[in-house]
Every structure is written in structure tokens, then in C-alpha cells.
Amino acid sequence: MIAAQIRILLIEDEPNIIEAIRFLLTRDGWQVETHSDGADAVEVIRTAAPDLVILDVMLPGKSGMDILRDLRDIPALVKLPV
């Protein structure tokens, strides 16, 4: 799989960090989507079906650790790289 085909979902609430990470990844050809709220992050991940999730630990609504725990309880997402 080439980088342009790999879709990354960045879940981060700090705009400066979002832009820095998005810049670095898109510069190298990755497709980057973003989301900033932990409360509905699991549903956003399910809907977006990314190849990789970059997950902040401290988010509004729900912590990154809780989101990761929820993801690991979903059989279809248990092997999703986070």
C-alpha cells in the first residue's frame, strides 16, 4: 500500500498541534482527516474507517485512554493501529 492510499484519522483538540501533524503527514502524501471531541470519537472512527488513528490522551468529552479501551472492545476495530 502506498502512502497516498493510507488514511489517517487524527483525534486532537489543539489547533496548533493538528496543523503541525497534518502538515507533516500530508507533505509525505498521507490522507489526513481530523476530529477534536472525545465524546463521539468512537463513532467517528467507525464511520471514517481509517487505516491508522493518531489519538490524543487528553480530549474534551472522553479521554484517549477510554476511547482506546472502547475500540479494543469492538471486534472489527480490535486490530486498528492506534
C-alpha atoms as a PDB file:
ATOM      1  CA  MET A   1       0.000   0.000   0.000  1.00  0.00           C
ATOM      2  CA  ILE A   2       1.432   3.395  -0.911  1.00  0.00           C
ATOM      3  CA  ALA A   3       1.227   6.371   1.431  1.00  0.00           C
ATOM      4  CA  ALA A   4      -1.361   8.238  -0.682  1.00  0.00           C
ATOM      5  CA  GLN A   5      -3.793   5.378  -0.107  1.00  0.00           C
ATOM      6  CA  ILE A   6      -3.354   5.289   3.657  1.00  0.00           C
ATOM      7  CA  ARG A   7      -5.978   7.263   5.544  1.00  0.00           C
ATOM      8  CA  ILE A   8      -5.121   8.637   8.965  1.00  0.00           C
ATOM      9  CA  LEU A   9      -7.639   9.956  11.459  1.00  0.00           C
ATOM     10  CA  LEU A  10      -6.030  12.431  13.845  1.00  0.00           C
ATOM     11  CA  ILE A  11      -8.035  12.957  17.015  1.00  0.00           C
ATOM     12  CA  GLU A  12      -6.595  16.046  18.689  1.00  0.00           C
ATOM     13  CA  ASP A  13      -8.167  19.169  20.208  1.00  0.00           C
ATOM     14  CA  GLU A  14      -5.275  21.648  19.984  1.00  0.00           C
ATOM     15  CA  PRO A  15      -5.435  23.539  16.651  1.00  0.00           C
ATOM     16  CA  ASN A  16      -1.672  24.179  16.506  1.00  0.00           C
ATOM     17  CA  ILE A  17      -0.881  20.506  17.026  1.00  0.00           C
ATOM     18  CA  ILE A  18      -3.496  19.496  14.439  1.00  0.00           C
ATOM     19  CA  GLU A  19      -1.956  21.771  11.832  1.00  0.00           C
ATOM     20  CA  ALA A  20       1.614  20.695  12.580  1.00  0.00           C
ATOM     21  CA  ILE A  21       0.833  16.978  12.374  1.00  0.00           C
ATOM     22  CA  ARG A  22      -1.425  17.408   9.332  1.00  0.00           C
ATOM     23  CA  PHE A  23       1.304  19.405   7.557  1.00  0.00           C
ATOM     24  CA  LEU A  24       3.958  16.763   8.182  1.00  0.00           C
ATOM     25  CA  LEU A  25       1.784  13.844   7.139  1.00  0.00           C
ATOM     26  CA  THR A  26       0.172  15.399   4.067  1.00  0.00           C
ATOM     27  CA  ARG A  27       3.575  16.637   2.895  1.00  0.00           C
ATOM     28  CA  ASP A  28       4.591  12.988   2.708  1.00  0.00           C
ATOM     29  CA  GLY A  29       1.439  12.028   0.804  1.00  0.00           C
ATOM     30  CA  TRP A  30      -0.783  10.694   3.577  1.00  0.00           C
ATOM     31  CA  GLN A  31      -4.506  11.460   3.622  1.00  0.00           C
ATOM     32  CA  VAL A  32      -5.369  13.067   6.984  1.00  0.00           C
ATOM     33  CA  GLU A  33      -8.806  13.655   8.494  1.00  0.00           C
ATOM     34  CA  THR A  34      -9.224  15.277  11.907  1.00  0.00           C
ATOM     35  CA  HIS A  35     -11.658  15.247  14.789  1.00  0.00           C
ATOM     36  CA  SER A  36     -11.465  17.181  18.069  1.00  0.00           C
ATOM     37  CA  ASP A  37     -14.018  15.760  20.507  1.00  0.00           C
ATOM     38  CA  GLY A  38     -13.598  12.616  22.562  1.00  0.00           C
ATOM     39  CA  ALA A  39     -17.312  12.242  23.289  1.00  0.00           C
ATOM     40  CA  ASP A  40     -18.158  10.887  19.824  1.00  0.00           C
ATOM     41  CA  ALA A  41     -14.703   9.804  18.679  1.00  0.00           C
ATOM     42  CA  VAL A  42     -15.510   6.076  18.608  1.00  0.00           C
ATOM     43  CA  GLU A  43     -18.432   6.655  16.246  1.00  0.00           C
ATOM     44  CA  VAL A  44     -16.306   8.953  14.068  1.00  0.00           C
ATOM     45  CA  ILE A  45     -13.639   6.236  13.880  1.00  0.00           C
ATOM     46  CA  ARG A  46     -16.235   3.625  12.917  1.00  0.00           C
ATOM     47  CA  THR A  47     -17.661   5.865  10.203  1.00  0.00           C
ATOM     48  CA  ALA A  48     -14.326   7.070   8.799  1.00  0.00           C
ATOM     49  CA  ALA A  49     -12.792   3.567   8.760  1.00  0.00           C
ATOM     50  CA  PRO A  50      -9.195   4.891   8.802  1.00  0.00           C
ATOM     51  CA  ASP A  51      -6.091   2.756   8.350  1.00  0.00           C
ATOM     52  CA  LEU A  52      -4.473   4.404  11.378  1.00  0.00           C
ATOM     53  CA  VAL A  53      -5.642   6.579  14.284  1.00  0.00           C
ATOM     54  CA  ILE A  54      -3.428   9.132  15.997  1.00  0.00           C
ATOM     55  CA  LEU A  55      -5.142   9.678  19.326  1.00  0.00           C
ATOM     56  CA  ASP A  56      -4.517  12.400  21.899  1.00  0.00           C
ATOM     57  CA  VAL A  57      -4.773  11.255  25.521  1.00  0.00           C
ATOM     58  CA  MET A  58      -6.376  14.423  26.904  1.00  0.00           C
ATOM     59  CA  LEU A  59      -9.525  15.304  24.944  1.00  0.00           C
ATOM     60  CA  PRO A  60     -12.759  17.071  25.833  1.00  0.00           C
ATOM     61  CA  GLY A  61     -15.669  14.718  26.413  1.00  0.00           C
ATOM     62  CA  LYS A  62     -13.717  11.463  26.820  1.00  0.00           C
ATOM     63  CA  SER A  63     -10.070  10.609  27.359  1.00  0.00           C
ATOM     64  CA  GLY A  64      -7.954   8.970  24.713  1.00  0.00           C
ATOM     65  CA  MET A  65      -7.376   6.009  27.034  1.00  0.00           C
ATOM     66  CA  ASP A  66     -11.136   5.466  27.378  1.00  0.00           C
ATOM     67  CA  ILE A  67     -11.549   5.743  23.615  1.00  0.00           C
ATOM     68  CA  LEU A  68      -8.796   3.175  23.067  1.00  0.00           C
ATOM     69  CA  ARG A  69     -10.416   0.837  25.592  1.00  0.00           C
ATOM     70  CA  ASP A  70     -13.742   1.170  23.751  1.00  0.00           C
ATOM     71  CA  LEU A  71     -12.072   0.481  20.403  1.00  0.00           C
ATOM     72  CA  ARG A  72     -10.463  -2.692  21.717  1.00  0.00           C
ATOM     73  CA  ASP A  73     -13.926  -3.934  22.765  1.00  0.00           C
ATOM     74  CA  ILE A  74     -15.216  -3.690  19.166  1.00  0.00           C
ATOM     75  CA  PRO A  75     -14.229  -6.840  17.227  1.00  0.00           C
ATOM     76  CA  ALA A  76     -13.969  -5.028  13.878  1.00  0.00           C
ATOM     77  CA  LEU A  77     -11.595  -2.420  15.355  1.00  0.00           C
ATOM     78  CA  VAL A  78      -9.520  -4.535  17.727  1.00  0.00           C
ATOM     79  CA  LYS A  79      -6.536  -4.598  15.335  1.00  0.00           C
ATOM     80  CA  LEU A  80      -6.793  -0.967  14.197  1.00  0.00           C
ATOM     81  CA  PRO A  81      -3.383   0.668  14.731  1.00  0.00           C
ATOM     82  CA  VAL A  82      -3.694   3.492  17.282  1.00  0.00           C
END
